[in-house]
Amino acid sequence: MDDLNPEDAKLITLARGARARIGASDGAAVRDELGRTYAGARVELPSLRLSGLELAIAQAVAAGATGLECAVVVGDSNAETACVRDLGGPGIPILVCAADGSVQSRLES
């Protein structure tokens, strides 16, 4: 997490914590347009499957968010990121991180 601003580093910490709490394959965190943060981990039930990123964004929408500033995914480098664009529009940074929190790639919605 070398050149990250403190708010992006916080998202990585939240995503790692969400993932670790339940031993999920991926965790994610997002920051909305007001600076509020939401985190989630992959959910795999017989009738419900959500990635950590989808869950974090669903929580943001349920809380009234109308935009995003940044998203982080930990543990799943193939995460579907279309939901970031759906809420945040184009150009939202998406940090894809290894389980240890190191940034593996930087994408944009």
N, C-alpha and C. Protein backbone atom coordinates (compact mmCIF):
# COMPACT_ATOMS: atom_id res chain seq x y z
N MET A 1 0.83 -1.19 0.00
CA MET A 1 0.00 0.00 0.00
C MET A 1 0.87 1.25 0.00
N ASP A 2 1.87 1.26 -0.82
CA ASP A 2 2.87 2.31 -0.84
C ASP A 2 2.32 3.70 -1.08
N ASP A 3 1.91 3.99 -2.30
CA ASP A 3 1.53 5.35 -2.66
C ASP A 3 0.02 5.60 -2.57
N LEU A 4 -0.64 4.92 -1.68
CA LEU A 4 -2.08 5.09 -1.53
C LEU A 4 -2.39 6.23 -0.57
N ASN A 5 -3.49 6.91 -0.86
CA ASN A 5 -3.93 7.89 0.12
C ASN A 5 -4.58 7.14 1.28
N PRO A 6 -4.70 7.75 2.44
CA PRO A 6 -5.23 7.05 3.61
C PRO A 6 -6.65 6.51 3.42
N GLU A 7 -7.46 7.19 2.65
CA GLU A 7 -8.84 6.73 2.44
C GLU A 7 -8.88 5.46 1.60
N ASP A 8 -8.00 5.35 0.60
CA ASP A 8 -7.93 4.13 -0.20
C ASP A 8 -7.33 2.98 0.61
N ALA A 9 -6.35 3.28 1.44
CA ALA A 9 -5.77 2.26 2.32
C ALA A 9 -6.83 1.73 3.29
N LYS A 10 -7.71 2.61 3.75
CA LYS A 10 -8.81 2.19 4.63
C LYS A 10 -9.73 1.21 3.91
N LEU A 11 -10.03 1.46 2.63
CA LEU A 11 -10.87 0.54 1.87
C LEU A 11 -10.24 -0.83 1.77
N ILE A 12 -8.92 -0.88 1.58
CA ILE A 12 -8.24 -2.16 1.51
C ILE A 12 -8.37 -2.90 2.84
N THR A 13 -8.20 -2.19 3.93
CA THR A 13 -8.33 -2.80 5.26
C THR A 13 -9.75 -3.34 5.47
N LEU A 14 -10.75 -2.57 5.08
CA LEU A 14 -12.15 -3.01 5.22
C LEU A 14 -12.43 -4.24 4.37
N ALA A 15 -11.94 -4.25 3.13
CA ALA A 15 -12.17 -5.38 2.24
C ALA A 15 -11.48 -6.64 2.76
N ARG A 16 -10.26 -6.49 3.25
CA ARG A 16 -9.54 -7.63 3.81
C ARG A 16 -10.26 -8.18 5.03
N GLY A 17 -10.78 -7.29 5.86
CA GLY A 17 -11.49 -7.73 7.06
C GLY A 17 -12.77 -8.46 6.73
N ALA A 18 -13.53 -7.95 5.75
CA ALA A 18 -14.78 -8.61 5.35
C ALA A 18 -14.49 -10.01 4.82
N ARG A 19 -13.46 -10.12 4.03
CA ARG A 19 -13.08 -11.42 3.45
C ARG A 19 -12.64 -12.39 4.53
N ALA A 20 -11.79 -11.93 5.44
CA ALA A 20 -11.23 -12.80 6.48
C ALA A 20 -12.27 -13.26 7.49
N ARG A 21 -13.24 -12.40 7.81
CA ARG A 21 -14.24 -12.74 8.82
C ARG A 21 -14.94 -14.06 8.53
N ILE A 22 -15.22 -14.32 7.26
CA ILE A 22 -15.95 -15.55 6.93
C ILE A 22 -15.14 -16.50 6.05
N GLY A 23 -13.88 -16.16 5.80
CA GLY A 23 -13.04 -17.02 4.98
C GLY A 23 -13.50 -17.07 3.53
N ALA A 24 -14.02 -15.96 3.03
CA ALA A 24 -14.54 -15.91 1.66
C ALA A 24 -13.41 -15.83 0.64
N SER A 25 -13.73 -16.17 -0.58
CA SER A 25 -12.72 -16.09 -1.65
C SER A 25 -12.42 -14.65 -2.04
N ASP A 26 -13.36 -13.76 -1.80
CA ASP A 26 -13.10 -12.35 -2.09
C ASP A 26 -13.86 -11.45 -1.13
N GLY A 27 -13.31 -10.27 -0.96
CA GLY A 27 -13.94 -9.22 -0.18
C GLY A 27 -13.78 -7.92 -0.96
N ALA A 28 -14.59 -6.95 -0.62
CA ALA A 28 -14.53 -5.67 -1.34
C ALA A 28 -15.00 -4.56 -0.42
N ALA A 29 -14.65 -3.35 -0.81
CA ALA A 29 -15.13 -2.17 -0.11
C ALA A 29 -15.24 -1.04 -1.12
N VAL A 30 -16.20 -0.17 -0.88
CA VAL A 30 -16.39 1.00 -1.75
C VAL A 30 -16.57 2.23 -0.88
N ARG A 31 -16.26 3.39 -1.47
CA ARG A 31 -16.50 4.68 -0.82
C ARG A 31 -17.47 5.45 -1.71
N ASP A 32 -18.55 5.95 -1.11
CA ASP A 32 -19.54 6.66 -1.91
C ASP A 32 -19.19 8.13 -2.07
N GLU A 33 -20.04 8.86 -2.74
CA GLU A 33 -19.78 10.27 -3.06
C GLU A 33 -19.71 11.16 -1.82
N LEU A 34 -20.20 10.67 -0.69
CA LEU A 34 -20.15 11.44 0.56
C LEU A 34 -19.02 10.98 1.48
N GLY A 35 -18.24 10.00 1.02
CA GLY A 35 -17.14 9.50 1.83
C GLY A 35 -17.51 8.35 2.75
N ARG A 36 -18.75 7.89 2.69
CA ARG A 36 -19.17 6.75 3.51
C ARG A 36 -18.62 5.47 2.89
N THR A 37 -18.30 4.49 3.74
CA THR A 37 -17.71 3.25 3.25
C THR A 37 -18.63 2.06 3.53
N TYR A 38 -18.52 1.08 2.63
CA TYR A 38 -19.31 -0.15 2.72
C TYR A 38 -18.41 -1.30 2.34
N ALA A 39 -18.52 -2.42 3.05
CA ALA A 39 -17.67 -3.58 2.77
C ALA A 39 -18.54 -4.82 2.70
N GLY A 40 -18.08 -5.79 1.94
CA GLY A 40 -18.80 -7.05 1.83
C GLY A 40 -17.87 -8.17 1.41
N ALA A 41 -18.33 -9.39 1.62
CA ALA A 41 -17.59 -10.58 1.21
C ALA A 41 -18.50 -11.43 0.35
N ARG A 42 -17.91 -12.31 -0.42
CA ARG A 42 -18.69 -13.18 -1.31
C ARG A 42 -19.72 -13.97 -0.51
N VAL A 43 -20.94 -14.04 -1.07
CA VAL A 43 -22.04 -14.81 -0.50
C VAL A 43 -22.38 -15.92 -1.49
N GLU A 44 -22.37 -17.15 -1.02
CA GLU A 44 -22.73 -18.28 -1.87
C GLU A 44 -23.71 -19.17 -1.14
N LEU A 45 -24.99 -18.91 -1.39
CA LEU A 45 -26.08 -19.71 -0.86
C LEU A 45 -26.73 -20.43 -2.03
N PRO A 46 -27.52 -21.45 -1.76
CA PRO A 46 -28.16 -22.16 -2.87
C PRO A 46 -28.97 -21.24 -3.80
N SER A 47 -29.61 -20.24 -3.26
CA SER A 47 -30.45 -19.38 -4.10
C SER A 47 -29.93 -17.95 -4.22
N LEU A 48 -28.73 -17.66 -3.71
CA LEU A 48 -28.19 -16.31 -3.77
C LEU A 48 -26.67 -16.36 -3.91
N ARG A 49 -26.17 -15.70 -4.94
CA ARG A 49 -24.72 -15.61 -5.15
C ARG A 49 -24.37 -14.17 -5.47
N LEU A 50 -23.53 -13.59 -4.62
CA LEU A 50 -23.06 -12.22 -4.81
C LEU A 50 -21.56 -12.17 -4.56
N SER A 51 -20.86 -11.41 -5.38
CA SER A 51 -19.45 -11.18 -5.09
C SER A 51 -19.36 -10.17 -3.95
N GLY A 52 -18.20 -10.05 -3.38
CA GLY A 52 -18.00 -9.05 -2.33
C GLY A 52 -18.27 -7.65 -2.86
N LEU A 53 -17.86 -7.39 -4.10
CA LEU A 53 -18.08 -6.07 -4.70
C LEU A 53 -19.56 -5.81 -4.92
N GLU A 54 -20.29 -6.79 -5.41
CA GLU A 54 -21.73 -6.62 -5.60
C GLU A 54 -22.43 -6.34 -4.27
N LEU A 55 -22.01 -7.04 -3.22
CA LEU A 55 -22.62 -6.83 -1.90
C LEU A 55 -22.31 -5.45 -1.35
N ALA A 56 -21.07 -5.02 -1.47
CA ALA A 56 -20.70 -3.68 -0.98
C ALA A 56 -21.47 -2.60 -1.72
N ILE A 57 -21.63 -2.75 -3.03
CA ILE A 57 -22.38 -1.76 -3.81
C ILE A 57 -23.85 -1.82 -3.47
N ALA A 58 -24.40 -3.00 -3.27
CA ALA A 58 -25.80 -3.11 -2.87
C ALA A 58 -26.05 -2.39 -1.54
N GLN A 59 -25.11 -2.53 -0.61
CA GLN A 59 -25.25 -1.84 0.67
C GLN A 59 -25.21 -0.32 0.48
N ALA A 60 -24.34 0.15 -0.40
CA ALA A 60 -24.25 1.58 -0.67
C ALA A 60 -25.56 2.09 -1.26
N VAL A 61 -26.09 1.37 -2.22
CA VAL A 61 -27.37 1.77 -2.84
C VAL A 61 -28.48 1.78 -1.79
N ALA A 62 -28.52 0.75 -0.95
CA ALA A 62 -29.56 0.67 0.09
C ALA A 62 -29.45 1.81 1.10
N ALA A 63 -28.25 2.37 1.24
CA ALA A 63 -28.05 3.49 2.17
C ALA A 63 -28.28 4.84 1.49
N GLY A 64 -28.61 4.82 0.19
CA GLY A 64 -28.92 6.07 -0.50
C GLY A 64 -27.79 6.66 -1.31
N ALA A 65 -26.69 5.94 -1.49
CA ALA A 65 -25.58 6.46 -2.29
C ALA A 65 -26.03 6.67 -3.73
N THR A 66 -25.53 7.73 -4.32
CA THR A 66 -25.85 8.02 -5.72
C THR A 66 -24.59 8.04 -6.59
N GLY A 67 -23.44 7.78 -6.00
CA GLY A 67 -22.19 7.76 -6.74
C GLY A 67 -21.10 7.09 -5.94
N LEU A 68 -19.98 6.83 -6.58
CA LEU A 68 -18.83 6.21 -5.94
C LEU A 68 -17.58 7.02 -6.20
N GLU A 69 -16.64 6.97 -5.26
CA GLU A 69 -15.33 7.59 -5.44
C GLU A 69 -14.26 6.56 -5.74
N CYS A 70 -14.39 5.36 -5.15
CA CYS A 70 -13.35 4.34 -5.30
C CYS A 70 -13.92 2.98 -4.89
N ALA A 71 -13.34 1.92 -5.46
CA ALA A 71 -13.71 0.55 -5.09
C ALA A 71 -12.44 -0.27 -4.95
N VAL A 72 -12.48 -1.25 -4.05
CA VAL A 72 -11.36 -2.16 -3.82
C VAL A 72 -11.89 -3.58 -3.82
N VAL A 73 -11.17 -4.47 -4.48
CA VAL A 73 -11.48 -5.90 -4.47
C VAL A 73 -10.25 -6.62 -3.96
N VAL A 74 -10.43 -7.50 -2.98
CA VAL A 74 -9.32 -8.29 -2.44
C VAL A 74 -9.60 -9.76 -2.68
N GLY A 75 -8.66 -10.42 -3.34
CA GLY A 75 -8.73 -11.87 -3.44
C GLY A 75 -9.28 -12.43 -4.74
N ASP A 76 -9.98 -11.67 -5.54
CA ASP A 76 -10.52 -12.20 -6.79
C ASP A 76 -10.14 -11.26 -7.93
N SER A 77 -9.08 -11.59 -8.60
CA SER A 77 -8.59 -10.71 -9.66
C SER A 77 -9.49 -10.72 -10.89
N ASN A 78 -10.45 -11.62 -10.94
CA ASN A 78 -11.39 -11.69 -12.06
C ASN A 78 -12.77 -11.15 -11.69
N ALA A 79 -12.84 -10.33 -10.69
CA ALA A 79 -14.12 -9.82 -10.22
C ALA A 79 -14.83 -9.03 -11.32
N GLU A 80 -16.13 -9.21 -11.40
CA GLU A 80 -16.95 -8.45 -12.33
C GLU A 80 -17.12 -7.04 -11.77
N THR A 81 -16.71 -6.05 -12.55
CA THR A 81 -16.69 -4.68 -12.04
C THR A 81 -17.75 -3.78 -12.69
N ALA A 82 -18.63 -4.35 -13.51
CA ALA A 82 -19.66 -3.54 -14.17
C ALA A 82 -20.54 -2.81 -13.17
N CYS A 83 -20.74 -3.39 -11.99
CA CYS A 83 -21.60 -2.76 -11.00
C CYS A 83 -21.01 -1.44 -10.49
N VAL A 84 -19.68 -1.29 -10.57
CA VAL A 84 -19.06 -0.02 -10.18
C VAL A 84 -19.48 1.07 -11.15
N ARG A 85 -19.45 0.77 -12.44
CA ARG A 85 -19.87 1.73 -13.45
C ARG A 85 -21.37 2.03 -13.31
N ASP A 86 -22.16 1.01 -12.99
CA ASP A 86 -23.61 1.20 -12.85
C ASP A 86 -23.94 2.28 -11.82
N LEU A 87 -23.22 2.29 -10.72
CA LEU A 87 -23.49 3.27 -9.67
C LEU A 87 -22.61 4.51 -9.81
N GLY A 88 -21.34 4.33 -10.15
CA GLY A 88 -20.41 5.45 -10.13
C GLY A 88 -20.16 6.12 -11.46
N GLY A 89 -20.54 5.47 -12.56
CA GLY A 89 -20.24 6.02 -13.87
C GLY A 89 -18.84 5.63 -14.29
N PRO A 90 -18.39 6.17 -15.43
CA PRO A 90 -17.06 5.82 -15.93
C PRO A 90 -15.95 6.52 -15.15
N GLY A 91 -14.78 5.88 -15.14
CA GLY A 91 -13.59 6.51 -14.56
C GLY A 91 -13.39 6.32 -13.07
N ILE A 92 -14.22 5.51 -12.42
CA ILE A 92 -14.05 5.27 -10.98
C ILE A 92 -12.88 4.29 -10.80
N PRO A 93 -11.89 4.64 -9.95
CA PRO A 93 -10.76 3.72 -9.75
C PRO A 93 -11.20 2.46 -9.00
N ILE A 94 -10.67 1.33 -9.48
CA ILE A 94 -10.91 0.03 -8.85
C ILE A 94 -9.55 -0.58 -8.57
N LEU A 95 -9.23 -0.76 -7.31
CA LEU A 95 -7.96 -1.37 -6.92
C LEU A 95 -8.18 -2.86 -6.70
N VAL A 96 -7.44 -3.68 -7.40
CA VAL A 96 -7.51 -5.13 -7.25
C VAL A 96 -6.29 -5.54 -6.44
N CYS A 97 -6.54 -6.19 -5.29
CA CYS A 97 -5.46 -6.48 -4.34
C CYS A 97 -5.35 -7.96 -4.04
N ALA A 98 -4.14 -8.37 -3.69
CA ALA A 98 -3.88 -9.72 -3.20
C ALA A 98 -4.40 -9.82 -1.77
N ALA A 99 -4.43 -11.02 -1.24
CA ALA A 99 -4.93 -11.24 0.11
C ALA A 99 -4.17 -10.44 1.16
N ASP A 100 -2.89 -10.15 0.91
CA ASP A 100 -2.10 -9.38 1.88
C ASP A 100 -2.33 -7.87 1.77
N GLY A 101 -3.18 -7.47 0.84
CA GLY A 101 -3.48 -6.04 0.68
C GLY A 101 -2.64 -5.33 -0.35
N SER A 102 -1.67 -6.01 -0.94
CA SER A 102 -0.84 -5.35 -1.95
C SER A 102 -1.64 -5.17 -3.23
N VAL A 103 -1.53 -3.98 -3.80
CA VAL A 103 -2.27 -3.65 -5.02
C VAL A 103 -1.64 -4.38 -6.19
N GLN A 104 -2.45 -5.20 -6.86
CA GLN A 104 -1.99 -5.97 -8.02
C GLN A 104 -2.24 -5.23 -9.32
N SER A 105 -3.36 -4.51 -9.36
CA SER A 105 -3.67 -3.73 -10.56
C SER A 105 -4.65 -2.62 -10.21
N ARG A 106 -4.67 -1.63 -11.07
CA ARG A 106 -5.59 -0.51 -10.95
C ARG A 106 -6.40 -0.44 -12.23
N LEU A 107 -7.71 -0.53 -12.07
CA LEU A 107 -8.63 -0.48 -13.20
C LEU A 107 -9.49 0.77 -13.09
N GLU A 108 -10.27 1.02 -14.11
CA GLU A 108 -11.28 2.07 -14.05
C GLU A 108 -12.59 1.50 -14.53
N SER A 109 -13.67 2.02 -13.94
CA SER A 109 -14.99 1.54 -14.34
C SER A 109 -15.33 2.00 -15.74
